[in-house]
Amino acid sequence: MGGVDASERTATGWAARDADGHLSPYTYTLRKSGPEDVVVKVKYCGICHTDIHQTKNHFGFSKYPMVPG
C-alpha cells in the first residue's frame, strides 16, 4: 500500500499564530503520508487545558503557527 499524495491535500484548523493564544482559521498543506502512517477523517475534536498553555507558550517551547487539540 503506497502513501497518499499530499500535493493536493489541505486541511483547515484553528491556529495560534503567536503567544497571545488567539485562534484563527489556518489552512495548510498536509505532508505525504508514509508506510507507517494511517490516514483518518476527523469529524469532531476538542482541546484540553494543556493545549491552552501550549498556545500561550507557558512551557517555553511552543512553535507557531500551532493547531492545538
PDB file of N, CA and C in Angstrom:
ATOM      1  N   MET A   1       0.854  -1.178   0.000  1.00  0.00           N
ATOM      2  CA  MET A   1       0.000   0.000   0.000  1.00  0.00           C
ATOM      3  C   MET A   1       0.898   1.238   0.000  1.00  0.00           C
ATOM      4  N   GLY A   2       0.708   2.120  -0.931  1.00  0.00           N
ATOM      5  CA  GLY A   2       1.526   3.312  -1.033  1.00  0.00           C
ATOM      6  C   GLY A   2       0.990   4.461  -0.208  1.00  0.00           C
ATOM      7  N   GLY A   3       1.796   5.521  -0.116  1.00  0.00           N
ATOM      8  CA  GLY A   3       1.380   6.708   0.616  1.00  0.00           C
ATOM      9  C   GLY A   3       0.346   7.501  -0.164  1.00  0.00           C
ATOM     10  N   VAL A   4      -0.339   8.366   0.504  1.00  0.00           N
ATOM     11  CA  VAL A   4      -1.331   9.231  -0.123  1.00  0.00           C
ATOM     12  C   VAL A   4      -0.622  10.479  -0.615  1.00  0.00           C
ATOM     13  N   ASP A   5      -0.858  10.872  -1.857  1.00  0.00           N
ATOM     14  CA  ASP A   5      -0.227  12.055  -2.426  1.00  0.00           C
ATOM     15  C   ASP A   5      -0.758  13.306  -1.739  1.00  0.00           C
ATOM     16  N   ALA A   6       0.151  14.081  -1.127  1.00  0.00           N
ATOM     17  CA  ALA A   6      -0.259  15.280  -0.390  1.00  0.00           C
ATOM     18  C   ALA A   6      -0.228  16.533  -1.247  1.00  0.00           C
ATOM     19  N   SER A   7       0.121  16.412  -2.537  1.00  0.00           N
ATOM     20  CA  SER A   7       0.248  17.612  -3.356  1.00  0.00           C
ATOM     21  C   SER A   7      -1.074  18.362  -3.492  1.00  0.00           C
ATOM     22  N   GLU A   8      -2.199  17.680  -3.313  1.00  0.00           N
ATOM     23  CA  GLU A   8      -3.497  18.328  -3.430  1.00  0.00           C
ATOM     24  C   GLU A   8      -4.281  18.300  -2.126  1.00  0.00           C
ATOM     25  N   ARG A   9      -3.701  17.766  -1.064  1.00  0.00           N
ATOM     26  CA  ARG A   9      -4.434  17.622   0.196  1.00  0.00           C
ATOM     27  C   ARG A   9      -4.137  18.788   1.127  1.00  0.00           C
ATOM     28  N   THR A  10      -5.188  19.450   1.556  1.00  0.00           N
ATOM     29  CA  THR A  10      -5.042  20.527   2.528  1.00  0.00           C
ATOM     30  C   THR A  10      -5.971  20.252   3.700  1.00  0.00           C
ATOM     31  N   ALA A  11      -5.697  20.917   4.791  1.00  0.00           N
ATOM     32  CA  ALA A  11      -6.540  20.825   5.981  1.00  0.00           C
ATOM     33  C   ALA A  11      -6.720  22.232   6.527  1.00  0.00           C
ATOM     34  N   THR A  12      -7.817  22.452   7.208  1.00  0.00           N
ATOM     35  CA  THR A  12      -8.068  23.736   7.852  1.00  0.00           C
ATOM     36  C   THR A  12      -8.313  23.493   9.330  1.00  0.00           C
ATOM     37  N   GLY A  13      -7.640  24.260  10.155  1.00  0.00           N
ATOM     38  CA  GLY A  13      -7.817  24.177  11.598  1.00  0.00           C
ATOM     39  C   GLY A  13      -7.807  25.574  12.184  1.00  0.00           C
ATOM     40  N   TRP A  14      -7.951  25.652  13.484  1.00  0.00           N
ATOM     41  CA  TRP A  14      -7.874  26.931  14.188  1.00  0.00           C
ATOM     42  C   TRP A  14      -6.505  26.990  14.841  1.00  0.00           C
ATOM     43  N   ALA A  15      -5.698  27.980  14.446  1.00  0.00           N
ATOM     44  CA  ALA A  15      -4.305  28.041  14.872  1.00  0.00           C
ATOM     45  C   ALA A  15      -4.001  29.288  15.683  1.00  0.00           C
ATOM     46  N   ALA A  16      -3.080  29.118  16.628  1.00  0.00           N
ATOM     47  CA  ALA A  16      -2.462  30.258  17.308  1.00  0.00           C
ATOM     48  C   ALA A  16      -1.277  30.667  16.441  1.00  0.00           C
ATOM     49  N   ARG A  17      -1.164  31.940  16.137  1.00  0.00           N
ATOM     50  CA  ARG A  17      -0.062  32.436  15.297  1.00  0.00           C
ATOM     51  C   ARG A  17       1.117  32.900  16.134  1.00  0.00           C
ATOM     52  N   ASP A  18       0.860  33.201  17.415  1.00  0.00           N
ATOM     53  CA  ASP A  18       1.901  33.657  18.333  1.00  0.00           C
ATOM     54  C   ASP A  18       1.423  33.406  19.758  1.00  0.00           C
ATOM     55  N   ALA A  19       2.206  33.834  20.736  1.00  0.00           N
ATOM     56  CA  ALA A  19       1.937  33.516  22.140  1.00  0.00           C
ATOM     57  C   ALA A  19       0.755  34.265  22.747  1.00  0.00           C
ATOM     58  N   ASP A  20       0.061  35.117  21.983  1.00  0.00           N
ATOM     59  CA  ASP A  20      -1.129  35.747  22.571  1.00  0.00           C
ATOM     60  C   ASP A  20      -2.253  34.727  22.742  1.00  0.00           C
ATOM     61  N   GLY A  21      -2.163  33.584  22.042  1.00  0.00           N
ATOM     62  CA  GLY A  21      -3.104  32.490  22.239  1.00  0.00           C
ATOM     63  C   GLY A  21      -4.405  32.589  21.480  1.00  0.00           C
ATOM     64  N   HIS A  22      -4.621  33.682  20.743  1.00  0.00           N
ATOM     65  CA  HIS A  22      -5.860  33.808  19.968  1.00  0.00           C
ATOM     66  C   HIS A  22      -5.820  32.846  18.786  1.00  0.00           C
ATOM     67  N   LEU A  23      -6.940  32.172  18.527  1.00  0.00           N
ATOM     68  CA  LEU A  23      -7.026  31.214  17.436  1.00  0.00           C
ATOM     69  C   LEU A  23      -7.754  31.829  16.250  1.00  0.00           C
ATOM     70  N   SER A  24      -7.273  31.528  15.052  1.00  0.00           N
ATOM     71  CA  SER A  24      -7.921  31.982  13.824  1.00  0.00           C
ATOM     72  C   SER A  24      -7.815  30.863  12.790  1.00  0.00           C
ATOM     73  N   PRO A  25      -8.693  30.865  11.776  1.00  0.00           N
ATOM     74  CA  PRO A  25      -8.646  29.808  10.767  1.00  0.00           C
ATOM     75  C   PRO A  25      -7.283  29.760  10.082  1.00  0.00           C
ATOM     76  N   TYR A  26      -6.808  28.545   9.831  1.00  0.00           N
ATOM     77  CA  TYR A  26      -5.483  28.339   9.245  1.00  0.00           C
ATOM     78  C   TYR A  26      -5.557  27.141   8.306  1.00  0.00           C
ATOM     79  N   THR A  27      -5.226  27.346   7.044  1.00  0.00           N
ATOM     80  CA  THR A  27      -5.220  26.269   6.057  1.00  0.00           C
ATOM     81  C   THR A  27      -3.779  25.940   5.712  1.00  0.00           C
ATOM     82  N   TYR A  28      -3.470  24.663   5.663  1.00  0.00           N
ATOM     83  CA  TYR A  28      -2.107  24.227   5.388  1.00  0.00           C
ATOM     84  C   TYR A  28      -2.119  22.967   4.531  1.00  0.00           C
ATOM     85  N   THR A  29      -0.991  22.715   3.870  1.00  0.00           N
ATOM     86  CA  THR A  29      -0.833  21.531   3.033  1.00  0.00           C
ATOM     87  C   THR A  29      -0.334  20.384   3.893  1.00  0.00           C
ATOM     88  N   LEU A  30      -0.966  19.244   3.751  1.00  0.00           N
ATOM     89  CA  LEU A  30      -0.556  18.060   4.503  1.00  0.00           C
ATOM     90  C   LEU A  30       0.673  17.426   3.859  1.00  0.00           C
ATOM     91  N   ARG A  31       1.555  16.896   4.675  1.00  0.00           N
ATOM     92  CA  ARG A  31       2.717  16.186   4.137  1.00  0.00           C
ATOM     93  C   ARG A  31       2.259  14.853   3.563  1.00  0.00           C
ATOM     94  N   LYS A  32       3.077  14.273   2.724  1.00  0.00           N
ATOM     95  CA  LYS A  32       2.765  12.966   2.150  1.00  0.00           C
ATOM     96  C   LYS A  32       2.804  11.923   3.259  1.00  0.00           C
ATOM     97  N   SER A  33       1.796  11.066   3.306  1.00  0.00           N
ATOM     98  CA  SER A  33       1.786  10.013   4.322  1.00  0.00           C
ATOM     99  C   SER A  33       2.795   8.936   3.943  1.00  0.00           C
ATOM    100  N   GLY A  34       3.377   8.318   4.960  1.00  0.00           N
ATOM    101  CA  GLY A  34       4.375   7.280   4.749  1.00  0.00           C
ATOM    102  C   GLY A  34       3.825   5.894   5.007  1.00  0.00           C
ATOM    103  N   PRO A  35       4.669   4.882   4.868  1.00  0.00           N
ATOM    104  CA  PRO A  35       4.228   3.496   5.036  1.00  0.00           C
ATOM    105  C   PRO A  35       3.796   3.161   6.463  1.00  0.00           C
ATOM    106  N   GLU A  36       4.204   3.937   7.438  1.00  0.00           N
ATOM    107  CA  GLU A  36       3.841   3.697   8.838  1.00  0.00           C
ATOM    108  C   GLU A  36       2.690   4.587   9.299  1.00  0.00           C
ATOM    109  N   ASP A  37       2.147   5.421   8.400  1.00  0.00           N
ATOM    110  CA  ASP A  37       1.073   6.354   8.744  1.00  0.00           C
ATOM    111  C   ASP A  37      -0.304   5.746   8.497  1.00  0.00           C
ATOM    112  N   VAL A  38      -1.286   6.274   9.189  1.00  0.00           N
ATOM    113  CA  VAL A  38      -2.685   5.921   8.983  1.00  0.00           C
ATOM    114  C   VAL A  38      -3.431   7.220   8.699  1.00  0.00           C
ATOM    115  N   VAL A  39      -4.198   7.260   7.631  1.00  0.00           N
ATOM    116  CA  VAL A  39      -4.976   8.446   7.279  1.00  0.00           C
ATOM    117  C   VAL A  39      -6.388   8.265   7.832  1.00  0.00           C
ATOM    118  N   VAL A  40      -6.838   9.230   8.641  1.00  0.00           N
ATOM    119  CA  VAL A  40      -8.174   9.172   9.231  1.00  0.00           C
ATOM    120  C   VAL A  40      -8.923  10.461   8.907  1.00  0.00           C
ATOM    121  N   LYS A  41     -10.231  10.371   8.860  1.00  0.00           N
ATOM    122  CA  LYS A  41     -11.074  11.550   8.675  1.00  0.00           C
ATOM    123  C   LYS A  41     -11.602  11.948  10.047  1.00  0.00           C
ATOM    124  N   VAL A  42     -11.286  13.168  10.468  1.00  0.00           N
ATOM    125  CA  VAL A  42     -11.715  13.664  11.774  1.00  0.00           C
ATOM    126  C   VAL A  42     -13.016  14.439  11.596  1.00  0.00           C
ATOM    127  N   LYS A  43     -14.035  14.048  12.336  1.00  0.00           N
ATOM    128  CA  LYS A  43     -15.318  14.753  12.281  1.00  0.00           C
ATOM    129  C   LYS A  43     -15.452  15.757  13.414  1.00  0.00           C
ATOM    130  N   TYR A  44     -14.928  15.435  14.574  1.00  0.00           N
ATOM    131  CA  TYR A  44     -15.034  16.304  15.752  1.00  0.00           C
ATOM    132  C   TYR A  44     -13.727  16.223  16.531  1.00  0.00           C
ATOM    133  N   CYS A  45     -13.397  17.283  17.219  1.00  0.00           N
ATOM    134  CA  CYS A  45     -12.218  17.265  18.087  1.00  0.00           C
ATOM    135  C   CYS A  45     -12.412  18.310  19.186  1.00  0.00           C
ATOM    136  N   GLY A  46     -11.510  18.332  20.106  1.00  0.00           N
ATOM    137  CA  GLY A  46     -11.565  19.300  21.192  1.00  0.00           C
ATOM    138  C   GLY A  46     -10.159  19.599  21.673  1.00  0.00           C
ATOM    139  N   ILE A  47     -10.070  20.491  22.627  1.00  0.00           N
ATOM    140  CA  ILE A  47      -8.778  20.794  23.223  1.00  0.00           C
ATOM    141  C   ILE A  47      -8.888  20.635  24.732  1.00  0.00           C
ATOM    142  N   CYS A  48      -7.765  20.380  25.363  1.00  0.00           N
ATOM    143  CA  CYS A  48      -7.735  20.302  26.820  1.00  0.00           C
ATOM    144  C   CYS A  48      -7.017  21.550  27.347  1.00  0.00           C
ATOM    145  N   HIS A  49      -7.000  21.708  28.653  1.00  0.00           N
ATOM    146  CA  HIS A  49      -6.404  22.912  29.240  1.00  0.00           C
ATOM    147  C   HIS A  49      -4.911  23.018  28.923  1.00  0.00           C
ATOM    148  N   THR A  50      -4.228  21.886  28.806  1.00  0.00           N
ATOM    149  CA  THR A  50      -2.808  21.909  28.455  1.00  0.00           C
ATOM    150  C   THR A  50      -2.598  22.537  27.085  1.00  0.00           C
ATOM    151  N   ASP A  51      -3.526  22.303  26.150  1.00  0.00           N
ATOM    152  CA  ASP A  51      -3.423  22.919  24.827  1.00  0.00           C
ATOM    153  C   ASP A  51      -3.450  24.440  24.929  1.00  0.00           C
ATOM    154  N   ILE A  52      -4.239  24.965  25.842  1.00  0.00           N
ATOM    155  CA  ILE A  52      -4.289  26.416  26.048  1.00  0.00           C
ATOM    156  C   ILE A  52      -2.928  26.924  26.520  1.00  0.00           C
ATOM    157  N   HIS A  53      -2.297  26.194  27.442  1.00  0.00           N
ATOM    158  CA  HIS A  53      -0.951  26.577  27.893  1.00  0.00           C
ATOM    159  C   HIS A  53       0.038  26.537  26.731  1.00  0.00           C
ATOM    160  N   GLN A  54      -0.094  25.527  25.865  1.00  0.00           N
ATOM    161  CA  GLN A  54       0.796  25.420  24.710  1.00  0.00           C
ATOM    162  C   GLN A  54       0.625  26.615  23.775  1.00  0.00           C
ATOM    163  N   THR A  55      -0.621  27.012  23.489  1.00  0.00           N
ATOM    164  CA  THR A  55      -0.836  28.128  22.568  1.00  0.00           C
ATOM    165  C   THR A  55      -0.250  29.426  23.112  1.00  0.00           C
ATOM    166  N   LYS A  56      -0.188  29.557  24.428  1.00  0.00           N
ATOM    167  CA  LYS A  56       0.338  30.774  25.048  1.00  0.00           C
ATOM    168  C   LYS A  56       1.807  30.652  25.433  1.00  0.00           C
ATOM    169  N   ASN A  57       2.447  29.566  25.039  1.00  0.00           N
ATOM    170  CA  ASN A  57       3.869  29.308  25.281  1.00  0.00           C
ATOM    171  C   ASN A  57       4.241  29.335  26.760  1.00  0.00           C
ATOM    172  N   HIS A  58       3.352  28.865  27.617  1.00  0.00           N
ATOM    173  CA  HIS A  58       3.640  28.834  29.050  1.00  0.00           C
ATOM    174  C   HIS A  58       4.752  27.855  29.406  1.00  0.00           C
ATOM    175  N   PHE A  59       5.005  26.870  28.548  1.00  0.00           N
ATOM    176  CA  PHE A  59       6.067  25.893  28.819  1.00  0.00           C
ATOM    177  C   PHE A  59       7.386  26.291  28.170  1.00  0.00           C
ATOM    178  N   GLY A  60       7.359  27.322  27.314  1.00  0.00           N
ATOM    179  CA  GLY A  60       8.584  27.865  26.744  1.00  0.00           C
ATOM    180  C   GLY A  60       9.117  27.185  25.493  1.00  0.00           C
ATOM    181  N   PHE A  61       8.376  26.267  24.891  1.00  0.00           N
ATOM    182  CA  PHE A  61       8.899  25.599  23.692  1.00  0.00           C
ATOM    183  C   PHE A  61       7.880  25.497  22.552  1.00  0.00           C
ATOM    184  N   SER A  62       6.868  26.344  22.560  1.00  0.00           N
ATOM    185  CA  SER A  62       5.846  26.309  21.506  1.00  0.00           C
ATOM    186  C   SER A  62       6.398  26.834  20.192  1.00  0.00           C
ATOM    187  N   LYS A  63       5.934  26.247  19.085  1.00  0.00           N
ATOM    188  CA  LYS A  63       6.306  26.694  17.743  1.00  0.00           C
ATOM    189  C   LYS A  63       5.025  27.096  17.025  1.00  0.00           C
ATOM    190  N   TYR A  64       5.096  28.190  16.293  1.00  0.00           N
ATOM    191  CA  TYR A  64       3.921  28.755  15.636  1.00  0.00           C
ATOM    192  C   TYR A  64       4.093  28.764  14.131  1.00  0.00           C
ATOM    193  N   PRO A  65       2.985  28.679  13.377  1.00  0.00           N
ATOM    194  CA  PRO A  65       1.613  28.539  13.833  1.00  0.00           C
ATOM    195  C   PRO A  65       1.375  27.165  14.438  1.00  0.00           C
ATOM    196  N   MET A  66       0.427  27.083  15.369  1.00  0.00           N
ATOM    197  CA  MET A  66       0.112  25.850  16.090  1.00  0.00           C
ATOM    198  C   MET A  66      -1.386  25.607  16.064  1.00  0.00           C
ATOM    199  N   VAL A  67      -1.770  24.412  15.624  1.00  0.00           N
ATOM    200  CA  VAL A  67      -3.171  23.986  15.681  1.00  0.00           C
ATOM    201  C   VAL A  67      -3.288  23.059  16.884  1.00  0.00           C
ATOM    202  N   PRO A  68      -3.864  23.525  18.002  1.00  0.00           N
ATOM    203  CA  PRO A  68      -3.936  22.685  19.203  1.00  0.00           C
ATOM    204  C   PRO A  68      -5.036  21.636  19.108  1.00  0.00           C
ATOM    205  N   GLY A  69      -4.949  20.661  19.990  1.00  0.00           N
ATOM    206  CA  GLY A  69      -6.013  19.665  20.083  1.00  0.00           C
ATOM    207  C   GLY A  69      -5.605  18.301  19.609  1.00  0.00           C
TER     208      GLY A  69
END
